[in-house]
Amino acid sequence: MAKSYWLINLNRSEVKRFIKNDKSVDGVFEYMFIDTGKILGELENKPPVMTNTVSVEIDLAREIYERLLSKGWRKIEKNWK
């Protein structure tokens, strides 16, 4: 499975996961999945409840990732059980 990149919003209520679509054909059309999840309880003890997934071209995914970082979202590592 491809490496995933996680962001969390400022009030720790929502996460986004960016992961490359393994089925993309390199050099032709590369896509990333962007999953959105809600945090219920303590993030360290429970995984977020994923509520939405979109597939976008890799360049757009990079733009979205950078835009979220500029709005205060922070990088996190998956650390729940």
PDB file of N, CA and C in Angstrom:
ATOM      1  N   MET A   1       0.842  -1.182   0.000  1.00  0.00           N
ATOM      2  CA  MET A   1       0.000   0.000   0.000  1.00  0.00           C
ATOM      3  C   MET A   1       0.888   1.246   0.000  1.00  0.00           C
ATOM      4  N   ALA A   2       0.437   2.276  -0.661  1.00  0.00           N
ATOM      5  CA  ALA A   2       1.187   3.523  -0.763  1.00  0.00           C
ATOM      6  C   ALA A   2       1.243   4.232   0.591  1.00  0.00           C
ATOM      7  N   LYS A   3       2.282   5.037   0.768  1.00  0.00           N
ATOM      8  CA  LYS A   3       2.431   5.814   1.996  1.00  0.00           C
ATOM      9  C   LYS A   3       1.324   6.858   2.056  1.00  0.00           C
ATOM     10  N   SER A   4       0.795   7.058   3.246  1.00  0.00           N
ATOM     11  CA  SER A   4      -0.254   8.059   3.416  1.00  0.00           C
ATOM     12  C   SER A   4       0.292   9.260   4.178  1.00  0.00           C
ATOM     13  N   TYR A   5      -0.294  10.408   3.907  1.00  0.00           N
ATOM     14  CA  TYR A   5       0.088  11.666   4.538  1.00  0.00           C
ATOM     15  C   TYR A   5      -1.157  12.233   5.217  1.00  0.00           C
ATOM     16  N   TRP A   6      -1.025  12.538   6.508  1.00  0.00           N
ATOM     17  CA  TRP A   6      -2.163  12.953   7.315  1.00  0.00           C
ATOM     18  C   TRP A   6      -2.027  14.402   7.751  1.00  0.00           C
ATOM     19  N   LEU A   7      -3.176  15.107   7.761  1.00  0.00           N
ATOM     20  CA  LEU A   7      -3.267  16.464   8.296  1.00  0.00           C
ATOM     21  C   LEU A   7      -4.412  16.513   9.292  1.00  0.00           C
ATOM     22  N   ILE A   8      -4.285  17.395  10.294  1.00  0.00           N
ATOM     23  CA  ILE A   8      -5.340  17.589  11.283  1.00  0.00           C
ATOM     24  C   ILE A   8      -5.628  19.083  11.382  1.00  0.00           C
ATOM     25  N   ASN A   9      -6.912  19.430  11.567  1.00  0.00           N
ATOM     26  CA  ASN A   9      -7.256  20.844  11.652  1.00  0.00           C
ATOM     27  C   ASN A   9      -6.920  21.409  13.028  1.00  0.00           C
ATOM     28  N   LEU A  10      -7.038  22.724  13.154  1.00  0.00           N
ATOM     29  CA  LEU A  10      -6.612  23.410  14.371  1.00  0.00           C
ATOM     30  C   LEU A  10      -7.350  22.956  15.626  1.00  0.00           C
ATOM     31  N   ASN A  11      -8.660  22.721  15.524  1.00  0.00           N
ATOM     32  CA  ASN A  11      -9.409  22.338  16.731  1.00  0.00           C
ATOM     33  C   ASN A  11      -9.489  20.821  16.921  1.00  0.00           C
ATOM     34  N   ARG A  12      -8.672  20.085  16.156  1.00  0.00           N
ATOM     35  CA  ARG A  12      -8.544  18.633  16.301  1.00  0.00           C
ATOM     36  C   ARG A  12      -9.871  17.883  16.180  1.00  0.00           C
ATOM     37  N   SER A  13     -10.706  18.343  15.259  1.00  0.00           N
ATOM     38  CA  SER A  13     -11.989  17.677  15.059  1.00  0.00           C
ATOM     39  C   SER A  13     -12.068  16.940  13.724  1.00  0.00           C
ATOM     40  N   GLU A  14     -11.099  17.186  12.850  1.00  0.00           N
ATOM     41  CA  GLU A  14     -11.154  16.612  11.509  1.00  0.00           C
ATOM     42  C   GLU A  14      -9.743  16.289  11.018  1.00  0.00           C
ATOM     43  N   VAL A  15      -9.645  15.210  10.257  1.00  0.00           N
ATOM     44  CA  VAL A  15      -8.371  14.839   9.633  1.00  0.00           C
ATOM     45  C   VAL A  15      -8.583  14.656   8.143  1.00  0.00           C
ATOM     46  N   LYS A  16      -7.478  14.752   7.414  1.00  0.00           N
ATOM     47  CA  LYS A  16      -7.484  14.429   5.990  1.00  0.00           C
ATOM     48  C   LYS A  16      -6.298  13.504   5.737  1.00  0.00           C
ATOM     49  N   ARG A  17      -6.556  12.474   4.946  1.00  0.00           N
ATOM     50  CA  ARG A  17      -5.502  11.538   4.560  1.00  0.00           C
ATOM     51  C   ARG A  17      -5.312  11.648   3.056  1.00  0.00           C
ATOM     52  N   PHE A  18      -4.075  11.804   2.645  1.00  0.00           N
ATOM     53  CA  PHE A  18      -3.709  11.858   1.236  1.00  0.00           C
ATOM     54  C   PHE A  18      -2.938  10.582   0.935  1.00  0.00           C
ATOM     55  N   ILE A  19      -3.397   9.838  -0.061  1.00  0.00           N
ATOM     56  CA  ILE A  19      -2.747   8.576  -0.408  1.00  0.00           C
ATOM     57  C   ILE A  19      -2.824   8.381  -1.920  1.00  0.00           C
ATOM     58  N   LYS A  20      -1.695   7.997  -2.509  1.00  0.00           N
ATOM     59  CA  LYS A  20      -1.664   7.806  -3.961  1.00  0.00           C
ATOM     60  C   LYS A  20      -2.490   6.592  -4.354  1.00  0.00           C
ATOM     61  N   ASN A  21      -3.227   6.740  -5.424  1.00  0.00           N
ATOM     62  CA  ASN A  21      -3.995   5.637  -5.986  1.00  0.00           C
ATOM     63  C   ASN A  21      -3.008   4.656  -6.614  1.00  0.00           C
ATOM     64  N   ASP A  22      -2.892   3.475  -6.035  1.00  0.00           N
ATOM     65  CA  ASP A  22      -1.960   2.462  -6.532  1.00  0.00           C
ATOM     66  C   ASP A  22      -2.287   2.005  -7.951  1.00  0.00           C
ATOM     67  N   LYS A  23      -3.492   2.242  -8.382  1.00  0.00           N
ATOM     68  CA  LYS A  23      -3.911   1.803  -9.709  1.00  0.00           C
ATOM     69  C   LYS A  23      -3.580   2.843 -10.786  1.00  0.00           C
ATOM     70  N   SER A  24      -3.017   3.991 -10.364  1.00  0.00           N
ATOM     71  CA  SER A  24      -2.626   5.014 -11.334  1.00  0.00           C
ATOM     72  C   SER A  24      -1.535   4.471 -12.250  1.00  0.00           C
ATOM     73  N   VAL A  25      -1.552   4.888 -13.493  1.00  0.00           N
ATOM     74  CA  VAL A  25      -0.515   4.512 -14.437  1.00  0.00           C
ATOM     75  C   VAL A  25       0.525   5.627 -14.426  1.00  0.00           C
ATOM     76  N   ASP A  26       1.733   5.303 -13.978  1.00  0.00           N
ATOM     77  CA  ASP A  26       2.795   6.308 -13.862  1.00  0.00           C
ATOM     78  C   ASP A  26       3.004   7.038 -15.181  1.00  0.00           C
ATOM     79  N   GLY A  27       3.086   8.368 -15.089  1.00  0.00           N
ATOM     80  CA  GLY A  27       3.371   9.180 -16.256  1.00  0.00           C
ATOM     81  C   GLY A  27       2.172   9.467 -17.133  1.00  0.00           C
ATOM     82  N   VAL A  28       1.052   8.815 -16.888  1.00  0.00           N
ATOM     83  CA  VAL A  28      -0.136   9.053 -17.702  1.00  0.00           C
ATOM     84  C   VAL A  28      -1.129   9.870 -16.884  1.00  0.00           C
ATOM     85  N   PHE A  29      -1.837   9.231 -16.012  1.00  0.00           N
ATOM     86  CA  PHE A  29      -2.765   9.912 -15.127  1.00  0.00           C
ATOM     87  C   PHE A  29      -2.480   9.432 -13.717  1.00  0.00           C
ATOM     88  N   GLU A  30      -1.957  10.317 -12.897  1.00  0.00           N
ATOM     89  CA  GLU A  30      -1.697   9.956 -11.511  1.00  0.00           C
ATOM     90  C   GLU A  30      -2.738  10.643 -10.637  1.00  0.00           C
ATOM     91  N   TYR A  31      -3.348   9.868  -9.780  1.00  0.00           N
ATOM     92  CA  TYR A  31      -4.398  10.379  -8.911  1.00  0.00           C
ATOM     93  C   TYR A  31      -4.065  10.092  -7.457  1.00  0.00           C
ATOM     94  N   MET A  32      -4.625  10.897  -6.596  1.00  0.00           N
ATOM     95  CA  MET A  32      -4.537  10.670  -5.157  1.00  0.00           C
ATOM     96  C   MET A  32      -5.941  10.642  -4.598  1.00  0.00           C
ATOM     97  N   PHE A  33      -6.108   9.821  -3.577  1.00  0.00           N
ATOM     98  CA  PHE A  33      -7.344   9.841  -2.809  1.00  0.00           C
ATOM     99  C   PHE A  33      -7.151  10.814  -1.657  1.00  0.00           C
ATOM    100  N   ILE A  34      -8.159  11.626  -1.410  1.00  0.00           N
ATOM    101  CA  ILE A  34      -8.182  12.484  -0.229  1.00  0.00           C
ATOM    102  C   ILE A  34      -9.385  12.049   0.594  1.00  0.00           C
ATOM    103  N   ASP A  35      -9.086  11.461   1.751  1.00  0.00           N
ATOM    104  CA  ASP A  35     -10.124  11.002   2.665  1.00  0.00           C
ATOM    105  C   ASP A  35     -10.301  12.034   3.768  1.00  0.00           C
ATOM    106  N   THR A  36     -11.544  12.263   4.151  1.00  0.00           N
ATOM    107  CA  THR A  36     -11.858  13.169   5.251  1.00  0.00           C
ATOM    108  C   THR A  36     -12.462  12.349   6.379  1.00  0.00           C
ATOM    109  N   GLY A  37     -12.041  12.640   7.603  1.00  0.00           N
ATOM    110  CA  GLY A  37     -12.555  11.900   8.749  1.00  0.00           C
ATOM    111  C   GLY A  37     -12.835  12.810   9.925  1.00  0.00           C
ATOM    112  N   LYS A  38     -13.797  12.411  10.731  1.00  0.00           N
ATOM    113  CA  LYS A  38     -14.158  13.121  11.962  1.00  0.00           C
ATOM    114  C   LYS A  38     -13.525  12.413  13.147  1.00  0.00           C
ATOM    115  N   ILE A  39     -13.031  13.203  14.082  1.00  0.00           N
ATOM    116  CA  ILE A  39     -12.438  12.646  15.288  1.00  0.00           C
ATOM    117  C   ILE A  39     -13.508  12.578  16.361  1.00  0.00           C
ATOM    118  N   LEU A  40     -13.736  11.381  16.868  1.00  0.00           N
ATOM    119  CA  LEU A  40     -14.699  11.164  17.944  1.00  0.00           C
ATOM    120  C   LEU A  40     -13.928  10.630  19.141  1.00  0.00           C
ATOM    121  N   GLY A  41     -13.855  11.388  20.200  1.00  0.00           N
ATOM    122  CA  GLY A  41     -13.086  10.961  21.367  1.00  0.00           C
ATOM    123  C   GLY A  41     -11.631  11.348  21.214  1.00  0.00           C
ATOM    124  N   GLU A  42     -10.750  10.527  21.783  1.00  0.00           N
ATOM    125  CA  GLU A  42      -9.315  10.792  21.749  1.00  0.00           C
ATOM    126  C   GLU A  42      -8.698  10.115  20.540  1.00  0.00           C
ATOM    127  N   LEU A  43      -8.004  10.898  19.727  1.00  0.00           N
ATOM    128  CA  LEU A  43      -7.428  10.388  18.490  1.00  0.00           C
ATOM    129  C   LEU A  43      -6.424   9.270  18.743  1.00  0.00           C
ATOM    130  N   GLU A  44      -5.710   9.327  19.868  1.00  0.00           N
ATOM    131  CA  GLU A  44      -4.703   8.305  20.139  1.00  0.00           C
ATOM    132  C   GLU A  44      -5.326   6.934  20.406  1.00  0.00           C
ATOM    133  N   ASN A  45      -6.580   6.908  20.849  1.00  0.00           N
ATOM    134  CA  ASN A  45      -7.224   5.649  21.218  1.00  0.00           C
ATOM    135  C   ASN A  45      -8.158   5.097  20.156  1.00  0.00           C
ATOM    136  N   LYS A  46      -8.731   5.979  19.351  1.00  0.00           N
ATOM    137  CA  LYS A  46      -9.692   5.546  18.340  1.00  0.00           C
ATOM    138  C   LYS A  46      -9.333   6.158  16.997  1.00  0.00           C
ATOM    139  N   PRO A  47      -9.430   5.387  15.931  1.00  0.00           N
ATOM    140  CA  PRO A  47      -9.198   5.986  14.612  1.00  0.00           C
ATOM    141  C   PRO A  47     -10.341   6.940  14.260  1.00  0.00           C
ATOM    142  N   PRO A  48     -10.083   7.908  13.394  1.00  0.00           N
ATOM    143  CA  PRO A  48     -11.164   8.797  12.973  1.00  0.00           C
ATOM    144  C   PRO A  48     -12.200   8.027  12.161  1.00  0.00           C
ATOM    145  N   VAL A  49     -13.407   8.535  12.168  1.00  0.00           N
ATOM    146  CA  VAL A  49     -14.475   7.947  11.353  1.00  0.00           C
ATOM    147  C   VAL A  49     -14.407   8.625   9.989  1.00  0.00           C
ATOM    148  N   MET A  50     -14.035   7.857   8.981  1.00  0.00           N
ATOM    149  CA  MET A  50     -13.882   8.420   7.648  1.00  0.00           C
ATOM    150  C   MET A  50     -15.267   8.655   7.038  1.00  0.00           C
ATOM    151  N   THR A  51     -15.476   9.871   6.541  1.00  0.00           N
ATOM    152  CA  THR A  51     -16.795  10.269   6.073  1.00  0.00           C
ATOM    153  C   THR A  51     -16.875  10.538   4.580  1.00  0.00           C
ATOM    154  N   ASN A  52     -15.728  10.779   3.938  1.00  0.00           N
ATOM    155  CA  ASN A  52     -15.771  11.173   2.537  1.00  0.00           C
ATOM    156  C   ASN A  52     -14.438  10.834   1.875  1.00  0.00           C
ATOM    157  N   THR A  53     -14.490  10.444   0.610  1.00  0.00           N
ATOM    158  CA  THR A  53     -13.284  10.201  -0.176  1.00  0.00           C
ATOM    159  C   THR A  53     -13.479  10.804  -1.558  1.00  0.00           C
ATOM    160  N   VAL A  54     -12.461  11.531  -2.013  1.00  0.00           N
ATOM    161  CA  VAL A  54     -12.472  12.040  -3.383  1.00  0.00           C
ATOM    162  C   VAL A  54     -11.170  11.619  -4.052  1.00  0.00           C
ATOM    163  N   SER A  55     -11.196  11.508  -5.370  1.00  0.00           N
ATOM    164  CA  SER A  55     -10.014  11.184  -6.154  1.00  0.00           C
ATOM    165  C   SER A  55      -9.722  12.393  -7.033  1.00  0.00           C
ATOM    166  N   VAL A  56      -8.501  12.913  -6.918  1.00  0.00           N
ATOM    167  CA  VAL A  56      -8.113  14.083  -7.697  1.00  0.00           C
ATOM    168  C   VAL A  56      -6.757  13.844  -8.331  1.00  0.00           C
ATOM    169  N   GLU A  57      -6.457  14.609  -9.381  1.00  0.00           N
ATOM    170  CA  GLU A  57      -5.140  14.507  -9.997  1.00  0.00           C
ATOM    171  C   GLU A  57      -4.083  14.913  -8.985  1.00  0.00           C
ATOM    172  N   ILE A  58      -2.920  14.335  -9.115  1.00  0.00           N
ATOM    173  CA  ILE A  58      -1.877  14.495  -8.110  1.00  0.00           C
ATOM    174  C   ILE A  58      -1.464  15.959  -7.924  1.00  0.00           C
ATOM    175  N   ASP A  59      -1.432  16.738  -8.981  1.00  0.00           N
ATOM    176  CA  ASP A  59      -1.068  18.152  -8.857  1.00  0.00           C
ATOM    177  C   ASP A  59      -2.097  18.920  -8.038  1.00  0.00           C
ATOM    178  N   LEU A  60      -3.378  18.627  -8.239  1.00  0.00           N
ATOM    179  CA  LEU A  60      -4.422  19.277  -7.457  1.00  0.00           C
ATOM    180  C   LEU A  60      -4.338  18.846  -5.993  1.00  0.00           C
ATOM    181  N   ALA A  61      -4.039  17.583  -5.758  1.00  0.00           N
ATOM    182  CA  ALA A  61      -3.894  17.102  -4.378  1.00  0.00           C
ATOM    183  C   ALA A  61      -2.774  17.851  -3.662  1.00  0.00           C
ATOM    184  N   ARG A  62      -1.680  18.094  -4.365  1.00  0.00           N
ATOM    185  CA  ARG A  62      -0.566  18.854  -3.770  1.00  0.00           C
ATOM    186  C   ARG A  62      -1.001  20.275  -3.429  1.00  0.00           C
ATOM    187  N   GLU A  63      -1.763  20.901  -4.318  1.00  0.00           N
ATOM    188  CA  GLU A  63      -2.262  22.259  -4.068  1.00  0.00           C
ATOM    189  C   GLU A  63      -3.167  22.288  -2.836  1.00  0.00           C
ATOM    190  N   ILE A  64      -4.064  21.314  -2.743  1.00  0.00           N
ATOM    191  CA  ILE A  64      -4.971  21.241  -1.599  1.00  0.00           C
ATOM    192  C   ILE A  64      -4.184  21.045  -0.310  1.00  0.00           C
ATOM    193  N   TYR A  65      -3.210  20.155  -0.331  1.00  0.00           N
ATOM    194  CA  TYR A  65      -2.366  19.872   0.833  1.00  0.00           C
ATOM    195  C   TYR A  65      -1.657  21.149   1.297  1.00  0.00           C
ATOM    196  N   GLU A  66      -1.038  21.854   0.377  1.00  0.00           N
ATOM    197  CA  GLU A  66      -0.322  23.088   0.718  1.00  0.00           C
ATOM    198  C   GLU A  66      -1.278  24.164   1.217  1.00  0.00           C
ATOM    199  N   ARG A  67      -2.451  24.261   0.617  1.00  0.00           N
ATOM    200  CA  ARG A  67      -3.447  25.254   1.042  1.00  0.00           C
ATOM    201  C   ARG A  67      -3.911  24.972   2.468  1.00  0.00           C
ATOM    202  N   LEU A  68      -4.141  23.704   2.789  1.00  0.00           N
ATOM    203  CA  LEU A  68      -4.552  23.353   4.149  1.00  0.00           C
ATOM    204  C   LEU A  68      -3.448  23.693   5.154  1.00  0.00           C
ATOM    205  N   LEU A  69      -2.199  23.404   4.805  1.00  0.00           N
ATOM    206  CA  LEU A  69      -1.084  23.758   5.692  1.00  0.00           C
ATOM    207  C   LEU A  69      -1.032  25.260   5.925  1.00  0.00           C
ATOM    208  N   SER A  70      -1.280  26.047   4.883  1.00  0.00           N
ATOM    209  CA  SER A  70      -1.236  27.509   5.025  1.00  0.00           C
ATOM    210  C   SER A  70      -2.396  28.034   5.879  1.00  0.00           C
ATOM    211  N   LYS A  71      -3.458  27.239   6.011  1.00  0.00           N
ATOM    212  CA  LYS A  71      -4.607  27.637   6.835  1.00  0.00           C
ATOM    213  C   LYS A  71      -4.498  27.112   8.269  1.00  0.00           C
ATOM    214  N   GLY A  72      -3.357  26.535   8.617  1.00  0.00           N
ATOM    215  CA  GLY A  72      -3.144  26.116   9.991  1.00  0.00           C
ATOM    216  C   GLY A  72      -3.259  24.629  10.263  1.00  0.00           C
ATOM    217  N   TRP A  73      -3.624  23.835   9.259  1.00  0.00           N
ATOM    218  CA  TRP A  73      -3.644  22.390   9.459  1.00  0.00           C
ATOM    219  C   TRP A  73      -2.215  21.937   9.725  1.00  0.00           C
ATOM    220  N   ARG A  74      -2.072  20.850  10.519  1.00  0.00           N
ATOM    221  CA  ARG A  74      -0.748  20.354  10.879  1.00  0.00           C
ATOM    222  C   ARG A  74      -0.561  18.926  10.404  1.00  0.00           C
ATOM    223  N   LYS A  75       0.683  18.583  10.106  1.00  0.00           N
ATOM    224  CA  LYS A  75       1.019  17.208   9.736  1.00  0.00           C
ATOM    225  C   LYS A  75       0.982  16.346  10.989  1.00  0.00           C
ATOM    226  N   ILE A  76       0.450  15.139  10.843  1.00  0.00           N
ATOM    227  CA  ILE A  76       0.469  14.178  11.941  1.00  0.00           C
ATOM    228  C   ILE A  76       0.828  12.810  11.389  1.00  0.00           C
ATOM    229  N   GLU A  77       1.216  11.932  12.274  1.00  0.00           N
ATOM    230  CA  GLU A  77       1.451  10.535  11.927  1.00  0.00           C
ATOM    231  C   GLU A  77       0.267   9.721  12.432  1.00  0.00           C
ATOM    232  N   LYS A  78      -0.065   8.685  11.722  1.00  0.00           N
ATOM    233  CA  LYS A  78      -1.105   7.770  12.187  1.00  0.00           C
ATOM    234  C   LYS A  78      -0.587   7.103  13.446  1.00  0.00           C
ATOM    235  N   ASN A  79      -1.243   7.356  14.579  1.00  0.00           N
ATOM    236  CA  ASN A  79      -0.741   6.814  15.856  1.00  0.00           C
ATOM    237  C   ASN A  79      -1.830   6.141  16.687  1.00  0.00           C
ATOM    238  N   TRP A  80      -2.970   5.862  16.109  1.00  0.00           N
ATOM    239  CA  TRP A  80      -4.024   5.185  16.860  1.00  0.00           C
ATOM    240  C   TRP A  80      -3.901   3.689  16.645  1.00  0.00           C
ATOM    241  N   LYS A  81      -4.537   2.979  17.554  1.00  0.00           N
ATOM    242  CA  LYS A  81      -4.444   1.518  17.534  1.00  0.00           C
ATOM    243  C   LYS A  81      -5.388   0.917  16.530  1.00  0.00           C
TER     244      LYS A  81
END
